[in-house]
Protein backbone atom coordinates (compact mmCIF):
# COMPACT_ATOMS: atom_id res chain seq x y z
CA MET A 1 -10.44 26.70 -11.66
CA GLY A 2 -7.01 27.31 -10.15
CA GLU A 3 -3.89 25.26 -10.79
CA HIS A 4 -4.10 21.96 -8.91
CA VAL A 5 -1.92 21.17 -5.91
CA VAL A 6 -1.86 17.68 -4.40
CA VAL A 7 -2.05 17.51 -0.61
CA THR A 8 -1.02 14.08 0.66
CA GLU A 9 -2.19 13.26 4.17
CA VAL A 10 0.49 11.48 6.21
CA GLY A 11 -1.13 11.59 9.65
CA PRO A 12 -2.08 7.88 9.77
CA ARG A 13 1.60 7.03 9.34
CA ASP A 14 3.88 9.93 10.34
CA GLY A 15 1.40 11.26 12.88
CA LEU A 16 0.36 8.10 14.65
CA GLN A 17 3.87 6.66 14.85
CA MET A 18 4.61 9.33 17.48
CA ALA A 19 1.34 8.98 19.41
CA GLN A 20 1.65 7.88 23.02
CA SER A 21 -1.35 5.59 22.65
CA ILE A 22 -2.30 3.17 19.89
CA MET A 23 -5.30 4.23 17.81
CA PRO A 24 -7.74 1.31 17.40
CA THR A 25 -7.88 -0.14 13.90
CA GLN A 26 -11.56 0.65 13.33
CA ALA A 27 -11.01 4.20 14.55
CA LYS A 28 -8.18 4.59 12.02
CA ILE A 29 -10.40 3.35 9.22
CA LYS A 30 -13.21 5.77 10.15
CA TRP A 31 -10.71 8.65 10.29
CA ILE A 32 -9.16 7.78 6.92
CA THR A 33 -12.64 7.41 5.39
CA ALA A 34 -13.65 10.83 6.73
CA MET A 35 -10.56 12.49 5.27
CA ALA A 36 -11.10 10.84 1.90
CA GLY A 37 -14.71 11.99 2.06
CA ALA A 38 -13.45 15.55 2.51
CA GLY A 39 -11.59 15.24 -0.79
CA ILE A 40 -8.11 14.10 0.15
CA SER A 41 -7.04 11.90 -2.75
CA GLU A 42 -3.76 10.51 -1.39
CA ILE A 43 -3.20 9.14 2.11
CA GLU A 44 -0.10 7.51 3.56
CA VAL A 45 -2.04 5.03 5.65
CA GLY A 46 0.75 3.25 7.50
CA SER A 47 4.19 1.68 7.35
CA PHE A 48 5.38 -1.89 6.97
CA VAL A 49 7.90 -1.90 9.79
CA PRO A 50 8.38 -4.36 12.67
CA ALA A 51 5.64 -3.97 15.27
CA THR A 52 8.27 -4.29 17.97
CA VAL A 53 9.84 -1.05 16.71
CA VAL A 54 6.71 0.97 15.89
CA PRO A 55 3.73 -0.77 17.56
CA GLN A 56 1.31 1.89 16.26
CA MET A 57 1.82 0.46 12.75
CA ALA A 58 1.13 -3.21 13.57
CA ASP A 59 -2.22 -3.18 11.72
CA THR A 60 -0.97 -1.57 8.49
CA ALA A 61 -1.94 -4.50 6.24
CA GLU A 62 -5.50 -4.35 7.56
CA ILE A 63 -5.59 -0.57 7.16
CA VAL A 64 -4.37 -0.83 3.55
CA ALA A 65 -7.06 -3.40 2.75
CA ALA A 66 -9.80 -1.19 4.18
CA SER A 67 -8.45 1.92 2.46
CA LEU A 68 -8.44 0.21 -0.93
CA ALA A 69 -12.22 -0.04 -0.64
CA ILE A 70 -12.54 3.76 -0.54
CA PRO A 71 -13.36 5.01 -4.06
CA ALA A 72 -10.70 7.11 -5.84
CA LEU A 73 -8.28 7.05 -2.90
CA ARG A 74 -4.59 6.52 -3.67
CA VAL A 75 -3.21 4.32 -0.90
CA ILE A 76 0.43 4.84 0.07
CA ALA A 77 2.62 3.02 2.60
CA LEU A 78 6.09 3.74 3.92
CA VAL A 79 8.58 0.87 3.70
CA PRO A 80 12.18 0.76 4.96
CA ASN A 81 13.41 -2.18 2.89
CA LEU A 82 12.63 -4.79 0.24
CA LYS A 83 10.75 -7.01 2.68
CA GLY A 84 8.49 -4.10 3.58
CA ALA A 85 7.95 -3.28 -0.10
CA GLN A 86 6.97 -6.88 -0.79
CA ARG A 87 4.47 -6.79 2.06
CA ALA A 88 3.07 -3.51 0.75
CA TYR A 89 2.74 -4.98 -2.74
CA GLU A 90 0.99 -8.08 -1.42
CA SER A 91 -1.42 -5.87 0.50
CA GLY A 92 -2.35 -4.01 -2.69
CA ALA A 93 -0.83 -0.58 -1.93
CA HIS A 94 -0.75 1.76 -4.91
CA ALA A 95 2.58 3.33 -3.95
CA VAL A 96 5.39 3.08 -1.43
CA VAL A 97 7.73 5.68 -0.01
CA VAL A 98 11.22 4.58 1.01
CA PRO A 99 13.07 6.87 3.44
CA VAL A 100 16.71 7.59 2.66
CA SER A 101 18.32 9.88 5.18
CA VAL A 102 20.85 12.34 3.82
CA SER A 103 22.36 12.48 7.31
CA GLU A 104 24.58 9.47 7.93
CA ALA A 105 23.96 9.48 11.69
CA HIS A 106 20.19 9.73 11.29
CA SER A 107 20.24 6.97 8.67
CA ARG A 108 21.96 4.60 11.08
CA ALA A 109 19.63 5.58 13.93
CA ASN A 110 16.52 5.25 11.78
CA ILE A 111 17.18 2.12 9.70
CA ARG A 112 20.51 0.83 11.07
CA LYS A 113 22.43 1.29 7.82
CA GLY A 114 24.27 4.08 6.03
CA SER A 115 22.78 6.37 3.40
CA ARG A 116 24.50 4.72 0.44
CA ASP A 117 23.50 1.26 1.66
CA GLN A 118 19.91 2.47 1.81
CA VAL A 119 20.17 3.74 -1.78
CA ASP A 120 21.21 0.20 -2.73
CA GLU A 121 18.12 -1.09 -0.89
CA VAL A 122 15.96 1.30 -2.93
CA ARG A 123 17.51 -0.03 -6.14
CA GLN A 124 16.61 -3.59 -5.10
CA ILE A 125 13.03 -2.48 -4.42
CA VAL A 126 12.73 -0.78 -7.82
CA ASP A 127 14.19 -3.80 -9.62
CA TRP A 128 11.83 -6.19 -7.79
CA VAL A 129 8.71 -4.09 -8.39
CA ARG A 130 9.49 -3.90 -12.11
CA THR A 131 9.30 -7.69 -12.34
CA GLN A 132 5.78 -7.79 -10.89
CA ILE A 133 2.55 -7.90 -12.88
CA ARG A 134 0.79 -5.08 -11.06
CA PRO A 135 2.48 -1.66 -11.15
CA MET A 136 3.32 0.03 -7.85
CA LYS A 137 4.89 3.48 -7.69
CA VAL A 138 8.19 3.66 -5.80
CA ASP A 139 9.09 7.03 -4.34
CA ALA A 140 12.03 7.95 -2.13
CA GLY A 141 12.12 10.59 0.56
CA CYS A 142 15.40 12.41 1.19
CA ALA A 143 15.07 12.68 4.96
CA THR A 144 16.91 15.39 6.96
CA ALA A 145 17.57 17.28 3.72
CA PHE A 146 17.34 20.64 5.49
CA GLY A 147 19.24 19.81 8.66
CA CYS A 148 19.60 17.10 11.28
CA SER A 149 19.33 17.16 15.07
CA ILE A 150 22.22 14.66 15.19
CA ASP A 151 24.59 15.75 12.40
CA GLY A 152 23.59 19.42 12.32
CA ASN A 153 23.94 21.28 9.03
CA ILE A 154 23.64 19.16 5.89
CA PRO A 155 25.64 20.46 2.89
CA GLU A 156 23.61 21.02 -0.24
CA SER A 157 26.16 18.91 -2.11
CA ARG A 158 25.30 15.95 0.12
CA VAL A 159 21.60 16.25 -0.70
CA LEU A 160 22.41 16.44 -4.40
CA GLU A 161 24.61 13.33 -4.10
CA ILE A 162 21.83 11.24 -2.53
CA ALA A 163 19.03 12.62 -4.73
CA THR A 164 21.06 11.93 -7.87
CA ALA A 165 21.83 8.40 -6.71
CA LEU A 166 18.13 7.78 -6.08
CA ALA A 167 17.20 9.04 -9.54
CA GLU A 168 19.83 6.72 -11.02
CA ALA A 169 18.38 3.86 -8.96
CA GLY A 170 15.16 4.31 -10.92
CA VAL A 171 12.69 5.74 -8.39
CA ASP A 172 9.52 7.22 -9.81
CA GLY A 173 9.57 10.31 -7.60
CA ILE A 174 11.67 12.08 -4.98
CA ALA A 175 10.58 14.10 -1.97
CA LEU A 176 12.75 16.49 0.01
CA ALA A 177 11.96 16.07 3.69
CA ASP A 178 12.57 18.56 6.48
CA THR A 179 12.42 15.73 9.01
CA VAL A 180 13.28 17.84 12.06
CA GLY A 181 11.80 21.14 10.86
CA TYR A 182 15.00 23.19 10.80
CA GLY A 183 14.62 24.55 7.26
CA ASN A 184 13.84 28.12 6.24
CA PRO A 185 12.28 29.57 3.07
CA ALA A 186 15.58 30.69 1.54
CA GLN A 187 17.02 27.22 2.07
CA VAL A 188 13.93 25.61 0.55
CA ARG A 189 14.19 27.80 -2.55
CA SER A 190 17.89 27.07 -3.01
CA LEU A 191 17.65 23.33 -2.45
CA VAL A 192 14.58 22.85 -4.65
CA ARG A 193 16.33 24.67 -7.49
CA ALA A 194 19.54 22.67 -7.06
CA VAL A 195 17.85 19.27 -6.83
CA ARG A 196 15.54 20.00 -9.74
CA SER A 197 18.59 20.95 -11.81
CA ALA A 198 20.13 17.58 -10.93
CA VAL A 199 17.14 15.21 -11.24
CA GLY A 200 14.54 17.18 -13.18
CA ALA A 201 10.87 16.24 -12.85
CA LYS A 202 11.63 13.35 -10.49
CA LEU A 203 11.61 15.94 -7.72
CA GLU A 204 7.89 15.93 -6.96
CA ARG A 205 7.11 16.91 -3.38
CA LEU A 206 8.07 18.46 -0.07
CA HIS A 207 7.58 16.83 3.32
CA LEU A 208 7.74 19.61 5.91
CA HIS A 209 7.69 19.74 9.70
CA ASP A 210 6.88 22.77 11.81
CA THR A 211 9.41 22.54 14.66
CA MET A 212 10.56 26.16 14.32
CA GLY A 213 7.20 27.53 13.17
CA LEU A 214 8.30 27.93 9.55
CA GLY A 215 6.48 24.99 8.02
CA ILE A 216 3.81 26.94 6.13
CA ALA A 217 6.36 29.58 5.08
CA ASN A 218 8.54 26.79 3.72
CA ALA A 219 5.56 25.35 1.84
CA LEU A 220 4.96 28.75 0.26
CA ALA A 221 8.62 28.93 -0.78
CA GLY A 222 8.33 25.49 -2.38
CA LEU A 223 5.11 26.52 -4.07
CA ASP A 224 6.83 29.56 -5.56
CA GLU A 225 9.55 27.25 -6.89
CA GLY A 226 7.01 25.08 -8.70
CA ILE A 227 6.42 22.28 -6.20
CA ARG A 228 2.84 21.05 -6.55
CA CYS A 229 2.76 18.16 -4.08
CA PHE A 230 2.99 18.54 -0.31
CA ASP A 231 2.75 16.16 2.64
CA SER A 232 0.87 17.30 5.73
CA ALA A 233 -0.94 15.86 8.75
CA LEU A 234 -4.38 16.62 10.13
CA GLY A 235 -4.01 18.38 13.46
CA GLY A 236 -0.26 18.80 12.94
CA LEU A 237 0.55 15.33 14.21
CA GLY A 238 3.90 13.71 13.62
CA GLY A 239 7.60 13.52 14.18
CA CYS A 240 10.40 10.98 13.97
CA PRO A 241 11.15 8.56 16.83
CA PHE A 242 14.82 8.52 15.77
CA ALA A 243 15.35 12.28 15.35
CA PRO A 244 15.52 14.02 18.74
CA GLY A 245 13.51 17.25 18.82
CA ALA A 246 11.44 16.60 15.70
CA SER A 247 7.89 17.87 16.03
CA GLY A 248 4.76 17.57 13.95
CA ASN A 249 4.06 17.98 10.26
CA ILE A 250 2.55 21.10 8.78
CA VAL A 251 -1.18 21.16 9.50
CA THR A 252 -3.33 19.87 6.63
CA GLU A 253 -6.19 22.24 7.45
CA ASP A 254 -3.93 25.30 7.48
CA LEU A 255 -2.15 24.24 4.27
CA VAL A 256 -5.44 23.75 2.44
CA PHE A 257 -6.68 27.12 3.69
CA MET A 258 -3.56 28.85 2.35
CA LEU A 259 -3.61 27.09 -1.02
CA GLU A 260 -7.31 27.60 -1.71
CA SER A 261 -7.18 31.23 -0.52
CA MET A 262 -4.33 31.84 -2.99
CA GLY A 263 -6.38 30.45 -5.86
CA PHE A 264 -4.87 26.96 -6.07
CA SER A 265 -7.29 24.07 -6.34
CA THR A 266 -6.87 21.13 -3.93
CA GLY A 267 -10.25 19.45 -4.34
CA ILE A 268 -10.47 19.36 -0.54
CA ASP A 269 -13.42 20.62 1.49
CA LEU A 270 -12.15 22.53 4.52
CA ASP A 271 -15.34 21.99 6.51
CA GLY A 272 -14.97 18.27 5.88
CA LEU A 273 -11.42 18.32 7.19
CA LEU A 274 -12.53 19.98 10.41
CA GLU A 275 -15.21 17.32 10.78
CA ALA A 276 -12.55 14.62 10.29
CA ARG A 277 -10.70 15.99 13.31
CA ALA A 278 -13.54 14.66 15.46
CA TYR A 279 -12.72 11.10 14.35
CA LEU A 280 -9.06 11.71 15.12
CA ARG A 281 -9.90 13.14 18.54
CA ARG A 282 -12.03 10.11 19.44
CA GLY A 283 -9.31 7.73 18.28
CA ILE A 284 -6.46 9.29 20.28
CA PRO A 285 -8.18 11.50 22.89
CA ASP A 286 -4.99 12.26 24.83
CA GLU A 287 -2.99 13.71 21.92
CA ALA A 288 -2.74 17.48 21.40
CA LEU A 289 -4.11 18.64 18.05
CA LEU A 290 -2.77 21.81 16.46
CA GLY A 291 -4.08 24.12 13.75
CA ASN A 292 -4.92 27.79 13.39
CA VAL A 293 -7.97 27.20 11.20
CA ALA A 294 -9.43 24.81 13.76
CA LEU A 295 -8.74 27.32 16.54
CA ALA A 296 -10.06 30.43 14.81
CA GLY A 297 -12.71 28.91 12.57
CA ILE A 298 -13.09 29.38 8.82
CA PRO A 299 -13.48 33.13 8.16
CA ASN A 300 -16.41 34.45 6.13
CA THR A 301 -13.91 35.78 3.58
CA TYR A 302 -12.81 32.27 2.62
CA ARG A 303 -13.62 31.15 -0.89
CA ARG A 304 -12.60 27.85 -2.44
CA ALA A 305 -10.54 28.11 -5.61
CA ALA A 306 -12.82 25.69 -7.46
């Protein structure tokens, strides 16, 4: 059996928040159930944000409740603040991800506060969760770590500043996010090394977008640097409503194909993922779905690592 790599599906949150139509709640649940049935063990099922801002996420509490009934599935929600974290906790979520943009302009566009103020919000979330009876993992995502469509280039020193502050705030894990998909493999290698040197094992995952067509190449660069957790979205859905030009996440099906073909174990059945696309298609029939594996089919040379 090959070394294990965790693939976290973020389509129900990052993907659907950019959809032109609203996926019905029962369709979401069937889609999430199908992906879990294919072997995906972690799914970011929604976000606790105001429905007036992101109407696609209005049913997140109901989606979390239904997802908790799926055996062995780790249920994750995105939250922008303490109120959202409290709602996620009350719903029973196993973990939350708090976005902290490294870009000051994107931070103010996304959550209407500066980066350092958002770090303070994360600290309040961590402190509150630690007083609760049930444990809930608190992760932070360093958004726009590889570039910003508003602020442009982001100095590595700025990413290190925010990542270090988040580690000091007590988060359980940190993700580096290429929110607008401007990163390249050399940049990924350099930043992963620098952040790991600063925060150690708290750097856990990469969240990559494919705007410039380098998403899978960037995942490979992260893999070579020891990253063993990646976010992705079925059909390549996704983007950020507050980052002009941001396109979809790396495609879950293509990522799994690459990892398993290289000998890494994901525990995910590729045929099952392709079947789950049918549930996604029925739920949002007007959205374009991407993916080379879905287009070409699984080749007869493909062998699962496990």
